[in-house]
Protein backbone atom coordinates (compact mmCIF):
# COMPACT_ATOMS: atom_id res chain seq x y z
CA MET A 1 9.42 -23.57 9.63
CA ASN A 2 9.92 -20.31 11.77
CA LYS A 3 8.26 -17.04 11.42
CA GLU A 4 11.26 -15.92 9.04
CA GLU A 5 10.76 -18.81 6.78
CA PHE A 6 6.90 -18.40 6.69
CA ASP A 7 7.40 -14.76 5.55
CA LEU A 8 9.83 -15.79 2.87
CA GLU A 9 7.51 -18.42 1.74
CA LEU A 10 4.67 -15.79 1.72
CA GLU A 11 6.69 -13.35 -0.33
CA ASN A 12 7.56 -16.13 -2.80
CA MET A 13 4.08 -17.10 -2.93
CA ALA A 14 2.96 -13.38 -3.61
CA GLU A 15 5.66 -13.22 -6.37
CA ARG A 16 4.14 -16.27 -8.17
CA CYS A 17 0.80 -14.67 -8.15
CA ARG A 18 2.26 -11.52 -9.50
CA LYS A 19 3.69 -13.44 -12.43
CA ALA A 20 0.75 -15.48 -13.08
CA PRO A 21 -1.08 -14.76 -16.40
CA ALA A 22 -3.95 -12.33 -15.85
CA PRO A 23 -6.90 -14.72 -16.43
CA THR A 24 -5.61 -16.93 -13.69
CA ARG A 25 -4.78 -14.37 -11.03
CA PHE A 26 -8.14 -14.92 -9.11
CA TRP A 27 -8.38 -18.57 -9.42
CA GLU A 28 -8.04 -20.51 -6.21
CA PRO A 29 -5.85 -23.44 -7.48
CA VAL A 30 -3.08 -20.95 -8.79
CA VAL A 31 -2.64 -20.30 -4.86
CA ARG A 32 -3.13 -23.74 -3.60
CA ASN A 33 -1.04 -25.53 -5.97
CA PHE A 34 2.18 -23.75 -4.70
CA ASP A 35 4.68 -25.58 -2.67
CA PHE A 36 4.20 -23.06 0.12
CA TYR A 37 0.64 -24.40 0.66
CA GLU A 38 1.91 -27.85 1.26
CA LYS A 39 4.86 -26.50 3.64
CA ILE A 40 2.51 -24.40 5.68
CA LYS A 41 -0.12 -27.29 5.90
CA SER A 42 2.52 -29.57 7.25
CA MET A 43 3.31 -27.21 10.17
CA ASP A 44 -0.05 -27.82 11.55
CA TYR A 45 -1.15 -25.77 14.49
CA LYS A 46 2.27 -24.02 14.73
CA VAL A 47 1.50 -22.15 11.75
CA LEU A 48 -1.77 -20.48 13.00
CA PRO A 49 0.08 -17.33 14.78
CA PHE A 50 1.88 -16.74 11.61
CA ILE A 51 -1.22 -16.88 9.52
CA ARG A 52 -3.04 -14.50 11.92
CA GLU A 53 -0.12 -11.84 11.71
CA ALA A 54 -0.32 -11.99 7.92
CA TYR A 55 -3.76 -10.79 8.10
CA ASP A 56 -2.52 -7.54 9.55
CA MET A 57 -0.18 -7.02 6.81
CA ASN A 58 -0.95 -4.22 4.32
CA CYS A 59 0.53 -5.13 1.01
CA ASP A 60 -0.57 -5.46 -2.64
CA TRP A 61 -3.09 -7.36 -4.29
CA ALA A 62 -0.96 -10.70 -4.45
CA TYR A 63 -1.01 -10.82 -0.67
CA ASP A 64 -4.83 -10.01 -0.59
CA MET A 65 -5.22 -12.98 -3.08
CA ILE A 66 -3.42 -15.31 -0.61
CA LYS A 67 -5.52 -14.22 2.22
CA ASP A 68 -8.62 -14.80 0.24
CA TYR A 69 -7.75 -18.18 -1.40
CA GLY A 70 -4.82 -19.59 0.39
CA LEU A 71 -4.84 -18.87 4.08
CA PRO A 72 -8.42 -19.74 4.93
CA TYR A 73 -8.01 -23.03 3.24
CA ILE A 74 -4.84 -24.00 5.10
CA ILE A 75 -6.67 -22.99 8.29
CA LYS A 76 -9.47 -25.51 7.35
CA LYS A 77 -7.21 -28.09 6.34
CA ILE A 78 -5.55 -28.05 9.80
CA LEU A 79 -8.54 -27.67 11.90
CA GLY A 80 -11.33 -29.05 9.67
CA ASP A 81 -14.75 -28.44 11.12
CA LYS A 82 -13.42 -26.69 13.96
CA PHE A 83 -13.05 -23.64 11.46
CA PRO A 84 -16.58 -22.91 10.62
CA ILE A 85 -16.11 -20.14 8.15
CA SER A 86 -16.92 -20.87 4.61
CA VAL A 87 -17.43 -19.00 1.32
CA PRO A 88 -18.05 -16.07 1.07
CA ASP A 89 -17.23 -15.19 4.63
CA ILE A 90 -13.30 -16.31 3.96
CA TRP A 91 -13.01 -13.33 1.82
CA LYS A 92 -13.96 -10.96 4.55
CA HIS A 93 -10.72 -10.74 6.24
CA ASP A 94 -12.09 -9.33 9.45
CA VAL A 95 -14.27 -12.39 9.85
CA VAL A 96 -11.13 -14.66 9.64
CA LYS A 97 -9.05 -12.56 11.97
CA LYS A 98 -11.78 -12.23 14.59
CA TRP A 99 -12.22 -16.00 14.48
CA LEU A 100 -8.46 -16.56 14.78
CA ASP A 101 -8.24 -13.91 17.57
CA TYR A 102 -10.98 -15.52 19.58
CA ASN A 103 -9.90 -19.27 18.98
CA LEU A 104 -6.12 -19.20 18.41
CA SER A 105 -5.30 -19.83 22.22
CA LYS A 106 -7.13 -23.18 21.96
CA TYR A 107 -4.76 -24.60 19.33
CA VAL A 108 -1.25 -23.08 20.28
CA SER A 109 0.19 -21.70 23.57
């Protein structure tokens, strides 16, 4: 998966979030059950720069939901305990961004 494919998958995931029934919009499994989540996790370290760029995107609430409930869990799945940020800090986008800024070079060249 390259950056264009990542962005397309991100938009597809956001569209699914927008179409989800209102009571489930902010429920973690709604985000993490999508095919996107599995595809992204399978990219391993290569996806981390794409994830970092996604945090700079100014989009609608669906993207924020993905940033809150999807991307940090993908990072955690890829890095395990090397990614020490946990709830509620994952909902602070700046915390995740700063961690990625500081640590990204350790995992990708």
